[in-house]
PDB file of N, CA and C in Angstrom:
ATOM      1  N   MET A   1      -7.612 -38.113  -5.696  1.00  0.00           N
ATOM      2  CA  MET A   1      -8.299 -37.315  -4.667  1.00  0.00           C
ATOM      3  C   MET A   1      -7.264 -36.597  -3.802  1.00  0.00           C
ATOM      4  N   TYR A   2      -6.212 -37.332  -3.425  1.00  0.00           N
ATOM      5  CA  TYR A   2      -5.184 -36.726  -2.577  1.00  0.00           C
ATOM      6  C   TYR A   2      -4.491 -35.584  -3.308  1.00  0.00           C
ATOM      7  N   VAL A   3      -4.286 -35.763  -4.615  1.00  0.00           N
ATOM      8  CA  VAL A   3      -3.629 -34.718  -5.394  1.00  0.00           C
ATOM      9  C   VAL A   3      -4.501 -33.473  -5.427  1.00  0.00           C
ATOM     10  N   ASN A   4      -5.824 -33.653  -5.576  1.00  0.00           N
ATOM     11  CA  ASN A   4      -6.731 -32.506  -5.624  1.00  0.00           C
ATOM     12  C   ASN A   4      -6.692 -31.745  -4.299  1.00  0.00           C
ATOM     13  N   VAL A   5      -6.736 -32.464  -3.184  1.00  0.00           N
ATOM     14  CA  VAL A   5      -6.703 -31.819  -1.868  1.00  0.00           C
ATOM     15  C   VAL A   5      -5.387 -31.067  -1.695  1.00  0.00           C
ATOM     16  N   GLN A   6      -4.280 -31.692  -2.108  1.00  0.00           N
ATOM     17  CA  GLN A   6      -2.975 -31.042  -1.971  1.00  0.00           C
ATOM     18  C   GLN A   6      -2.928 -29.790  -2.839  1.00  0.00           C
ATOM     19  N   TYR A   7      -3.467 -29.888  -4.062  1.00  0.00           N
ATOM     20  CA  TYR A   7      -3.454 -28.730  -4.963  1.00  0.00           C
ATOM     21  C   TYR A   7      -4.271 -27.591  -4.378  1.00  0.00           C
ATOM     22  N   ILE A   8      -5.430 -27.937  -3.791  1.00  0.00           N
ATOM     23  CA  ILE A   8      -6.272 -26.896  -3.175  1.00  0.00           C
ATOM     24  C   ILE A   8      -5.519 -26.247  -2.014  1.00  0.00           C
ATOM     25  N   GLY A   9      -4.809 -27.049  -1.237  1.00  0.00           N
ATOM     26  CA  GLY A   9      -4.056 -26.504  -0.109  1.00  0.00           C
ATOM     27  C   GLY A   9      -2.978 -25.539  -0.578  1.00  0.00           C
ATOM     28  N   VAL A  10      -2.273 -25.903  -1.648  1.00  0.00           N
ATOM     29  CA  VAL A  10      -1.226 -25.020  -2.178  1.00  0.00           C
ATOM     30  C   VAL A  10      -1.853 -23.739  -2.706  1.00  0.00           C
ATOM     31  N   ALA A  11      -2.987 -23.865  -3.394  1.00  0.00           N
ATOM     32  CA  ALA A  11      -3.658 -22.678  -3.933  1.00  0.00           C
ATOM     33  C   ALA A  11      -4.094 -21.758  -2.796  1.00  0.00           C
ATOM     34  N   MET A  12      -4.608 -22.336  -1.704  1.00  0.00           N
ATOM     35  CA  MET A  12      -5.041 -21.520  -0.568  1.00  0.00           C
ATOM     36  C   MET A  12      -3.842 -20.808   0.050  1.00  0.00           C
ATOM     37  N   GLN A  13      -2.704 -21.517   0.165  1.00  0.00           N
ATOM     38  CA  GLN A  13      -1.509 -20.872   0.720  1.00  0.00           C
ATOM     39  C   GLN A  13      -1.080 -19.708  -0.157  1.00  0.00           C
ATOM     40  N   LYS A  14      -1.122 -19.895  -1.486  1.00  0.00           N
ATOM     41  CA  LYS A  14      -0.727 -18.815  -2.395  1.00  0.00           C
ATOM     42  C   LYS A  14      -1.689 -17.642  -2.256  1.00  0.00           C
ATOM     43  N   LEU A  15      -2.984 -17.945  -2.119  1.00  0.00           N
ATOM     44  CA  LEU A  15      -3.965 -16.867  -1.969  1.00  0.00           C
ATOM     45  C   LEU A  15      -3.721 -16.120  -0.664  1.00  0.00           C
ATOM     46  N   LYS A  16      -3.419 -16.862   0.409  1.00  0.00           N
ATOM     47  CA  LYS A  16      -3.152 -16.209   1.697  1.00  0.00           C
ATOM     48  C   LYS A  16      -1.930 -15.308   1.589  1.00  0.00           C
ATOM     49  N   ILE A  17      -0.870 -15.811   0.957  1.00  0.00           N
ATOM     50  CA  ILE A  17       0.353 -15.013   0.819  1.00  0.00           C
ATOM     51  C   ILE A  17       0.073 -13.772  -0.015  1.00  0.00           C
ATOM     52  N   THR A  18      -0.687 -13.938  -1.102  1.00  0.00           N
ATOM     53  CA  THR A  18      -1.004 -12.791  -1.952  1.00  0.00           C
ATOM     54  C   THR A  18      -1.845 -11.787  -1.178  1.00  0.00           C
ATOM     55  N   GLY A  19      -2.822 -12.275  -0.413  1.00  0.00           N
ATOM     56  CA  GLY A  19      -3.674 -11.375   0.368  1.00  0.00           C
ATOM     57  C   GLY A  19      -2.861 -10.615   1.404  1.00  0.00           C
ATOM     58  N   LEU A  20      -1.949 -11.318   2.084  1.00  0.00           N
ATOM     59  CA  LEU A  20      -1.125 -10.647   3.094  1.00  0.00           C
ATOM     60  C   LEU A  20      -0.245  -9.587   2.449  1.00  0.00           C
ATOM     61  N   SER A  21       0.355  -9.908   1.307  1.00  0.00           N
ATOM     62  CA  SER A  21       1.225  -8.929   0.642  1.00  0.00           C
ATOM     63  C   SER A  21       0.415  -7.721   0.196  1.00  0.00           C
ATOM     64  N   LEU A  22      -0.828  -7.961  -0.272  1.00  0.00           N
ATOM     65  CA  LEU A  22      -1.679  -6.842  -0.689  1.00  0.00           C
ATOM     66  C   LEU A  22      -2.024  -5.976   0.514  1.00  0.00           C
ATOM     67  N   ILE A  23      -2.346  -6.612   1.648  1.00  0.00           N
ATOM     68  CA  ILE A  23      -2.702  -5.849   2.853  1.00  0.00           C
ATOM     69  C   ILE A  23      -1.496  -5.044   3.335  1.00  0.00           C
ATOM     70  N   ILE A  24      -0.315  -5.679   3.354  1.00  0.00           N
ATOM     71  CA  ILE A  24       0.892  -4.988   3.826  1.00  0.00           C
ATOM     72  C   ILE A  24       1.217  -3.812   2.916  1.00  0.00           C
ATOM     73  N   SER A  25       1.158  -4.032   1.596  1.00  0.00           N
ATOM     74  CA  SER A  25       1.462  -2.937   0.667  1.00  0.00           C
ATOM     75  C   SER A  25       0.429  -1.831   0.814  1.00  0.00           C
ATOM     76  N   GLY A  26      -0.831  -2.203   1.050  1.00  0.00           N
ATOM     77  CA  GLY A  26      -1.875  -1.194   1.240  1.00  0.00           C
ATOM     78  C   GLY A  26      -1.609  -0.364   2.490  1.00  0.00           C
ATOM     79  N   LEU A  27      -1.197  -1.024   3.573  1.00  0.00           N
ATOM     80  CA  LEU A  27      -0.904  -0.290   4.807  1.00  0.00           C
ATOM     81  C   LEU A  27       0.297   0.631   4.607  1.00  0.00           C
ATOM     82  N   LEU A  28       1.326   0.138   3.912  1.00  0.00           N
ATOM     83  CA  LEU A  28       2.506   0.976   3.670  1.00  0.00           C
ATOM     84  C   LEU A  28       2.136   2.185   2.825  1.00  0.00           C
ATOM     85  N   MET A  29       1.311   1.984   1.800  1.00  0.00           N
ATOM     86  CA  MET A  29       0.905   3.104   0.952  1.00  0.00           C
ATOM     87  C   MET A  29       0.064   4.093   1.753  1.00  0.00           C
ATOM     88  N   ALA A  30      -0.793   3.576   2.640  1.00  0.00           N
ATOM     89  CA  ALA A  30      -1.627   4.462   3.454  1.00  0.00           C
ATOM     90  C   ALA A  30      -0.746   5.289   4.386  1.00  0.00           C
ATOM     91  N   GLN A  31       0.276   4.666   4.981  1.00  0.00           N
ATOM     92  CA  GLN A  31       1.171   5.405   5.872  1.00  0.00           C
ATOM     93  C   GLN A  31       1.942   6.461   5.089  1.00  0.00           C
ATOM     94  N   ALA A  32       2.421   6.102   3.891  1.00  0.00           N
ATOM     95  CA  ALA A  32       3.175   7.059   3.082  1.00  0.00           C
ATOM     96  C   ALA A  32       2.274   8.217   2.678  1.00  0.00           C
ATOM     97  N   HIS A  33       1.021   7.911   2.346  1.00  0.00           N
ATOM     98  CA  HIS A  33       0.091   8.967   1.942  1.00  0.00           C
ATOM     99  C   HIS A  33      -0.219   9.875   3.133  1.00  0.00           C
ATOM    100  N   ALA A  34      -0.344   9.272   4.330  1.00  0.00           N
ATOM    101  CA  ALA A  34      -0.648  10.072   5.523  1.00  0.00           C
ATOM    102  C   ALA A  34       0.563  10.931   5.906  1.00  0.00           C
ATOM    103  N   ALA A  35       1.766  10.460   5.586  1.00  0.00           N
ATOM    104  CA  ALA A  35       2.971  11.211   5.945  1.00  0.00           C
ATOM    105  C   ALA A  35       3.199  12.381   4.998  1.00  0.00           C
ATOM    106  N   GLU A  36       2.580  12.340   3.824  1.00  0.00           N
ATOM    107  CA  GLU A  36       2.775  13.435   2.872  1.00  0.00           C
ATOM    108  C   GLU A  36       2.110  14.709   3.379  1.00  0.00           C
ATOM    109  N   PRO A  37       2.758  15.858   3.209  1.00  0.00           N
ATOM    110  CA  PRO A  37       2.135  17.125   3.610  1.00  0.00           C
ATOM    111  C   PRO A  37       0.943  17.427   2.713  1.00  0.00           C
ATOM    112  N   VAL A  38      -0.099  17.947   3.311  1.00  0.00           N
ATOM    113  CA  VAL A  38      -1.317  18.243   2.555  1.00  0.00           C
ATOM    114  C   VAL A  38      -1.375  19.738   2.274  1.00  0.00           C
ATOM    115  N   TYR A  39      -1.513  20.085   1.012  1.00  0.00           N
ATOM    116  CA  TYR A  39      -1.634  21.493   0.623  1.00  0.00           C
ATOM    117  C   TYR A  39      -3.067  21.737   0.154  1.00  0.00           C
ATOM    118  N   PRO A  40      -3.920  22.309   1.003  1.00  0.00           N
ATOM    119  CA  PRO A  40      -5.310  22.542   0.597  1.00  0.00           C
ATOM    120  C   PRO A  40      -5.395  23.594  -0.498  1.00  0.00           C
ATOM    121  N   ASP A  41      -6.320  23.373  -1.426  1.00  0.00           N
ATOM    122  CA  ASP A  41      -6.508  24.352  -2.504  1.00  0.00           C
ATOM    123  C   ASP A  41      -7.171  25.604  -1.951  1.00  0.00           C
ATOM    124  N   GLN A  42      -6.634  26.749  -2.329  1.00  0.00           N
ATOM    125  CA  GLN A  42      -7.198  28.016  -1.839  1.00  0.00           C
ATOM    126  C   GLN A  42      -7.694  28.859  -2.999  1.00  0.00           C
TER     127      GLN A  42
END
């Protein structure tokens, strides 16, 4: 039982780290996209 709880805790930590990295990369990509000059089609 203790092993299962510990395994779940490690899995949750990995999920949190993955989620944070995804959010950070998403924010960086959004900033880079916003910094790009926009050339409207004419």
